[in-house]
Structure formats: structure tokens, C-alpha cells
Amino acid sequence: MFDRIIAFLKDLPSASDNRGPSSADDPRIAAAALMFHVMDADGVRQDTEWERMKHILAEAYGLAGEDLDRLVVAGGKADEEAVDLYAFTSVLKRHLDEKARIEFVGLMWEIVFADGELHELEDNTLWRIAELIGVDNRDRILQRQKIQAQATGSSTED
């Protein structure tokens, strides 16, 4: 599953491929900003969540070093400056099909469960993001259960 997610994130067009990330209209920045938002929802940024987010972005876009740092900084800045989630979710909704949006929600759950805990604010934030990108409750919950089972070492069938 992770390979499919990485594949769709790599396919997201960049609004500024030649100069690196620079705009919230860039789907890569929108994805990073939402990852920051869910990571910070509970008020505590755990190192494991931070590392998981950076790993996902690095894998998704084949970035390392300064290029990865620029995307992370741009995503963090965009999240800090945002007045709502719609600016980011609308970008992803335009660029991702239904299956990719469901898989993106799975990525967000990976960040949430990276620290081994689910805080109610993280759950609520993910519910709002999923709703805004057009992922129904059933699919959001199935993704949560799947990622939670992986995080705890339980086995689940696809």
C-alpha cells in the first residue's frame, strides 16, 4: 500500500517545479501543510511524528537534504499562515482521484500513530480533512483501523 501512496504523491504536479516549492497552490506544499496540521493537532510535536512526516515526503518526492528541507519549511509556513484547511484540501481534491484521497488519509493516520497514541484532536482534525477532500466516514475509519493495526503489530487482511 505504501508504494501506491508514494506513487500518487510523486504524480502530484508542482506549481513551481523549476524553483522548488513556493506556493500553497502547489499540491506538494498542500500535502505537507496538512501533515503539519494533523501532527500538531494535539499540541505536542513528537519526534516520531516529525520523522515519519519527513520520511513520507522524502519518499514521495525523491527529496533529500536542502530540497526536502525547503518543502518541509514551505509546508510548515503555509500551515502557520493558513486561516483554514480549505486552501489545502481544495488543492488536493482537484489533483487526486477518490482512491488517492483515501490513501492520503491513510498517510495522515501513519503520522498520527507514529507516536503510538491517538488524541481526540488528531482524530477530529483528520475527520475534518477527510470530509473536505471527499473521503467518507467509512473509508476514513477503515484507514484508521488498518494503520492502527499496523502500528500495534496486529494483522489485518486487505
C-alpha atoms as a PDB file:
ATOM      1  CA  MET A   1       0.000   0.000   0.000  1.00  0.00           C
ATOM      2  CA  PHE A   2       2.778   2.444   0.865  1.00  0.00           C
ATOM      3  CA  ASP A   3       4.205   2.101  -2.659  1.00  0.00           C
ATOM      4  CA  ARG A   4       0.842   3.117  -4.160  1.00  0.00           C
ATOM      5  CA  ILE A   5       0.686   6.163  -1.900  1.00  0.00           C
ATOM      6  CA  ILE A   6       4.211   7.190  -2.793  1.00  0.00           C
ATOM      7  CA  ALA A   7       3.370   6.748  -6.479  1.00  0.00           C
ATOM      8  CA  PHE A   8       0.374   9.066  -6.353  1.00  0.00           C
ATOM      9  CA  LEU A   9       2.229  11.683  -4.338  1.00  0.00           C
ATOM     10  CA  LYS A  10       5.044  11.653  -6.899  1.00  0.00           C
ATOM     11  CA  ASP A  11       2.469  12.245  -9.620  1.00  0.00           C
ATOM     12  CA  LEU A  12       1.161  15.398  -7.967  1.00  0.00           C
ATOM     13  CA  PRO A  13       2.180  18.304 -10.162  1.00  0.00           C
ATOM     14  CA  SER A  14       4.189  21.109  -8.677  1.00  0.00           C
ATOM     15  CA  ALA A  15       3.176  24.684  -9.206  1.00  0.00           C
ATOM     16  CA  SER A  16       6.864  25.598  -9.276  1.00  0.00           C
ATOM     17  CA  ASP A  17       8.918  22.563 -10.277  1.00  0.00           C
ATOM     18  CA  ASN A  18      11.840  24.624 -11.553  1.00  0.00           C
ATOM     19  CA  ARG A  19      12.345  26.725  -8.446  1.00  0.00           C
ATOM     20  CA  GLY A  20      11.250  24.418  -5.649  1.00  0.00           C
ATOM     21  CA  PRO A  21       8.124  24.767  -3.558  1.00  0.00           C
ATOM     22  CA  SER A  22       6.840  28.305  -3.128  1.00  0.00           C
ATOM     23  CA  SER A  23       3.053  28.360  -3.065  1.00  0.00           C
ATOM     24  CA  ALA A  24       0.130  26.881  -1.174  1.00  0.00           C
ATOM     25  CA  ASP A  25      -1.346  26.134  -4.633  1.00  0.00           C
ATOM     26  CA  ASP A  26       1.431  23.576  -5.047  1.00  0.00           C
ATOM     27  CA  PRO A  27      -0.074  20.167  -4.168  1.00  0.00           C
ATOM     28  CA  ARG A  28       3.194  19.130  -2.520  1.00  0.00           C
ATOM     29  CA  ILE A  29       3.016  22.091  -0.161  1.00  0.00           C
ATOM     30  CA  ALA A  30      -0.689  21.490   0.462  1.00  0.00           C
ATOM     31  CA  ALA A  31       0.050  17.868   1.403  1.00  0.00           C
ATOM     32  CA  ALA A  32       2.948  18.915   3.675  1.00  0.00           C
ATOM     33  CA  ALA A  33       0.845  21.643   5.326  1.00  0.00           C
ATOM     34  CA  LEU A  34      -1.934  19.175   6.119  1.00  0.00           C
ATOM     35  CA  MET A  35       0.626  16.770   7.528  1.00  0.00           C
ATOM     36  CA  PHE A  36       1.922  19.545   9.787  1.00  0.00           C
ATOM     37  CA  HIS A  37      -1.608  20.411  10.824  1.00  0.00           C
ATOM     38  CA  VAL A  38      -2.502  16.878  11.866  1.00  0.00           C
ATOM     39  CA  MET A  39       0.873  16.368  13.532  1.00  0.00           C
ATOM     40  CA  ASP A  40       0.380  19.495  15.640  1.00  0.00           C
ATOM     41  CA  ALA A  41      -3.329  18.960  16.364  1.00  0.00           C
ATOM     42  CA  ASP A  42      -2.748  17.622  19.876  1.00  0.00           C
ATOM     43  CA  GLY A  43      -0.361  20.456  20.752  1.00  0.00           C
ATOM     44  CA  VAL A  44       2.650  18.172  21.071  1.00  0.00           C
ATOM     45  CA  ARG A  45       5.009  17.501  18.183  1.00  0.00           C
ATOM     46  CA  GLN A  46       6.626  14.139  18.867  1.00  0.00           C
ATOM     47  CA  ASP A  47       9.960  13.353  17.212  1.00  0.00           C
ATOM     48  CA  THR A  48       8.475  10.124  15.842  1.00  0.00           C
ATOM     49  CA  GLU A  49       5.670  12.057  14.111  1.00  0.00           C
ATOM     50  CA  TRP A  50       8.154  14.586  12.725  1.00  0.00           C
ATOM     51  CA  GLU A  51      10.441  11.860  11.385  1.00  0.00           C
ATOM     52  CA  ARG A  52       7.510   9.939   9.869  1.00  0.00           C
ATOM     53  CA  MET A  53       6.292  13.044   8.063  1.00  0.00           C
ATOM     54  CA  LYS A  54       9.757  13.815   6.693  1.00  0.00           C
ATOM     55  CA  HIS A  55      10.176  10.199   5.591  1.00  0.00           C
ATOM     56  CA  ILE A  56       6.842  10.236   3.753  1.00  0.00           C
ATOM     57  CA  LEU A  57       7.709  13.497   1.971  1.00  0.00           C
ATOM     58  CA  ALA A  58      11.234  12.309   1.122  1.00  0.00           C
ATOM     59  CA  GLU A  59       9.948   9.034  -0.320  1.00  0.00           C
ATOM     60  CA  ALA A  60       7.047  10.639  -2.129  1.00  0.00           C
ATOM     61  CA  TYR A  61       9.087  13.222  -3.957  1.00  0.00           C
ATOM     62  CA  GLY A  62      12.535  11.652  -4.049  1.00  0.00           C
ATOM     63  CA  LEU A  63      13.869  14.535  -1.989  1.00  0.00           C
ATOM     64  CA  ALA A  64      16.745  14.755   0.446  1.00  0.00           C
ATOM     65  CA  GLY A  65      18.895  17.420   2.010  1.00  0.00           C
ATOM     66  CA  GLU A  66      18.120  21.013   1.116  1.00  0.00           C
ATOM     67  CA  ASP A  67      15.304  20.108  -1.282  1.00  0.00           C
ATOM     68  CA  LEU A  68      13.471  18.201   1.440  1.00  0.00           C
ATOM     69  CA  ASP A  69      14.170  20.970   3.931  1.00  0.00           C
ATOM     70  CA  ARG A  70      12.667  23.567   1.554  1.00  0.00           C
ATOM     71  CA  LEU A  71       9.469  21.543   1.168  1.00  0.00           C
ATOM     72  CA  VAL A  72       9.194  20.976   4.922  1.00  0.00           C
ATOM     73  CA  VAL A  73       9.740  24.674   5.637  1.00  0.00           C
ATOM     74  CA  ALA A  74       7.244  25.705   2.953  1.00  0.00           C
ATOM     75  CA  GLY A  75       4.635  23.254   4.304  1.00  0.00           C
ATOM     76  CA  GLY A  76       5.158  24.430   7.870  1.00  0.00           C
ATOM     77  CA  LYS A  77       4.978  28.080   6.880  1.00  0.00           C
ATOM     78  CA  ALA A  78       1.839  27.507   4.810  1.00  0.00           C
ATOM     79  CA  ASP A  79       0.181  25.731   7.738  1.00  0.00           C
ATOM     80  CA  GLU A  80       1.123  28.537  10.146  1.00  0.00           C
ATOM     81  CA  GLU A  81      -0.257  31.209   7.810  1.00  0.00           C
ATOM     82  CA  ALA A  82      -3.463  29.375   6.926  1.00  0.00           C
ATOM     83  CA  VAL A  83      -6.778  30.549   8.293  1.00  0.00           C
ATOM     84  CA  ASP A  84      -8.481  27.259   7.485  1.00  0.00           C
ATOM     85  CA  LEU A  85      -7.886  23.849   5.932  1.00  0.00           C
ATOM     86  CA  TYR A  86      -9.834  24.539   2.754  1.00  0.00           C
ATOM     87  CA  ALA A  87      -6.917  26.187   0.961  1.00  0.00           C
ATOM     88  CA  PHE A  88      -5.004  22.906   1.147  1.00  0.00           C
ATOM     89  CA  THR A  89      -7.825  20.398   0.887  1.00  0.00           C
ATOM     90  CA  SER A  90      -9.225  22.080  -2.223  1.00  0.00           C
ATOM     91  CA  VAL A  91      -5.838  21.758  -3.947  1.00  0.00           C
ATOM     92  CA  LEU A  92      -5.635  18.037  -3.145  1.00  0.00           C
ATOM     93  CA  LYS A  93      -9.266  17.435  -4.064  1.00  0.00           C
ATOM     94  CA  ARG A  94      -8.583  18.909  -7.521  1.00  0.00           C
ATOM     95  CA  HIS A  95      -5.465  16.792  -8.073  1.00  0.00           C
ATOM     96  CA  LEU A  96      -6.332  13.417  -6.515  1.00  0.00           C
ATOM     97  CA  ASP A  97      -8.908  10.863  -7.528  1.00  0.00           C
ATOM     98  CA  GLU A  98     -11.085   9.168  -4.907  1.00  0.00           C
ATOM     99  CA  LYS A  99      -8.714   6.266  -4.314  1.00  0.00           C
ATOM    100  CA  ALA A 100      -5.729   8.574  -3.915  1.00  0.00           C
ATOM    101  CA  ARG A 101      -7.631  10.775  -1.452  1.00  0.00           C
ATOM    102  CA  ILE A 102      -8.467   7.705   0.652  1.00  0.00           C
ATOM    103  CA  GLU A 103      -4.816   6.660   0.578  1.00  0.00           C
ATOM    104  CA  PHE A 104      -3.764  10.181   1.562  1.00  0.00           C
ATOM    105  CA  VAL A 105      -5.973   9.854   4.641  1.00  0.00           C
ATOM    106  CA  GLY A 106      -4.058   6.638   5.384  1.00  0.00           C
ATOM    107  CA  LEU A 107      -0.796   8.598   5.252  1.00  0.00           C
ATOM    108  CA  MET A 108      -2.189  11.084   7.698  1.00  0.00           C
ATOM    109  CA  TRP A 109      -3.101   8.231  10.065  1.00  0.00           C
ATOM    110  CA  GLU A 110       0.503   6.999   9.792  1.00  0.00           C
ATOM    111  CA  ILE A 111       1.676  10.329  11.162  1.00  0.00           C
ATOM    112  CA  VAL A 112      -0.943  10.251  13.941  1.00  0.00           C
ATOM    113  CA  PHE A 113       0.011   6.732  15.045  1.00  0.00           C
ATOM    114  CA  ALA A 114       3.771   7.281  14.715  1.00  0.00           C
ATOM    115  CA  ASP A 115       3.875   8.136  18.430  1.00  0.00           C
ATOM    116  CA  GLY A 116       1.646   5.182  19.352  1.00  0.00           C
ATOM    117  CA  GLU A 117      -1.210   7.371  20.552  1.00  0.00           C
ATOM    118  CA  LEU A 118      -4.452   8.722  19.134  1.00  0.00           C
ATOM    119  CA  HIS A 119      -5.512  12.026  20.632  1.00  0.00           C
ATOM    120  CA  GLU A 120      -9.119  13.145  20.152  1.00  0.00           C
ATOM    121  CA  LEU A 121      -7.936  16.395  18.500  1.00  0.00           C
ATOM    122  CA  GLU A 122      -5.935  14.412  15.944  1.00  0.00           C
ATOM    123  CA  ASP A 123      -8.980  12.249  15.269  1.00  0.00           C
ATOM    124  CA  ASN A 124     -11.176  15.325  14.850  1.00  0.00           C
ATOM    125  CA  THR A 125      -8.661  17.053  12.575  1.00  0.00           C
ATOM    126  CA  LEU A 126      -8.419  14.004  10.365  1.00  0.00           C
ATOM    127  CA  TRP A 127     -12.208  13.766  10.237  1.00  0.00           C
ATOM    128  CA  ARG A 128     -12.393  17.384   9.006  1.00  0.00           C
ATOM    129  CA  ILE A 129      -9.625  16.900   6.435  1.00  0.00           C
ATOM    130  CA  ALA A 130     -11.209  13.697   5.149  1.00  0.00           C
ATOM    131  CA  GLU A 131     -14.583  15.387   4.860  1.00  0.00           C
ATOM    132  CA  LEU A 132     -13.104  18.336   2.953  1.00  0.00           C
ATOM    133  CA  ILE A 133     -11.292  16.117   0.447  1.00  0.00           C
ATOM    134  CA  GLY A 134     -14.359  13.960  -0.084  1.00  0.00           C
ATOM    135  CA  VAL A 135     -13.444  10.829   1.862  1.00  0.00           C
ATOM    136  CA  ASP A 136     -16.476   9.341   3.588  1.00  0.00           C
ATOM    137  CA  ASN A 137     -16.560   8.267   7.229  1.00  0.00           C
ATOM    138  CA  ARG A 138     -16.445   4.562   6.401  1.00  0.00           C
ATOM    139  CA  ASP A 139     -13.233   4.881   4.372  1.00  0.00           C
ATOM    140  CA  ARG A 140     -11.649   7.193   6.957  1.00  0.00           C
ATOM    141  CA  ILE A 141     -12.390   4.714   9.742  1.00  0.00           C
ATOM    142  CA  LEU A 142     -11.178   1.745   7.686  1.00  0.00           C
ATOM    143  CA  GLN A 143      -7.897   3.559   7.031  1.00  0.00           C
ATOM    144  CA  ARG A 144      -7.566   4.357  10.748  1.00  0.00           C
ATOM    145  CA  GLN A 145      -8.169   0.737  11.721  1.00  0.00           C
ATOM    146  CA  LYS A 146      -5.694  -0.520   9.139  1.00  0.00           C
ATOM    147  CA  ILE A 147      -2.910   1.869  10.145  1.00  0.00           C
ATOM    148  CA  GLN A 148      -3.618   1.414  13.853  1.00  0.00           C
ATOM    149  CA  ALA A 149      -3.341  -2.360  13.436  1.00  0.00           C
ATOM    150  CA  GLN A 150      -0.025  -1.941  11.604  1.00  0.00           C
ATOM    151  CA  ALA A 151       1.242   0.406  14.319  1.00  0.00           C
ATOM    152  CA  THR A 152       0.367  -2.034  17.082  1.00  0.00           C
ATOM    153  CA  GLY A 153       1.631  -5.068  15.188  1.00  0.00           C
ATOM    154  CA  SER A 154      -1.794  -6.653  14.739  1.00  0.00           C
ATOM    155  CA  SER A 155      -2.513  -8.407  11.494  1.00  0.00           C
ATOM    156  CA  THR A 156      -5.268  -7.270   9.136  1.00  0.00           C
ATOM    157  CA  GLU A 157      -6.425  -8.507   5.771  1.00  0.00           C
ATOM    158  CA  ASP A 158      -6.516  -6.071   2.810  1.00  0.00           C
END
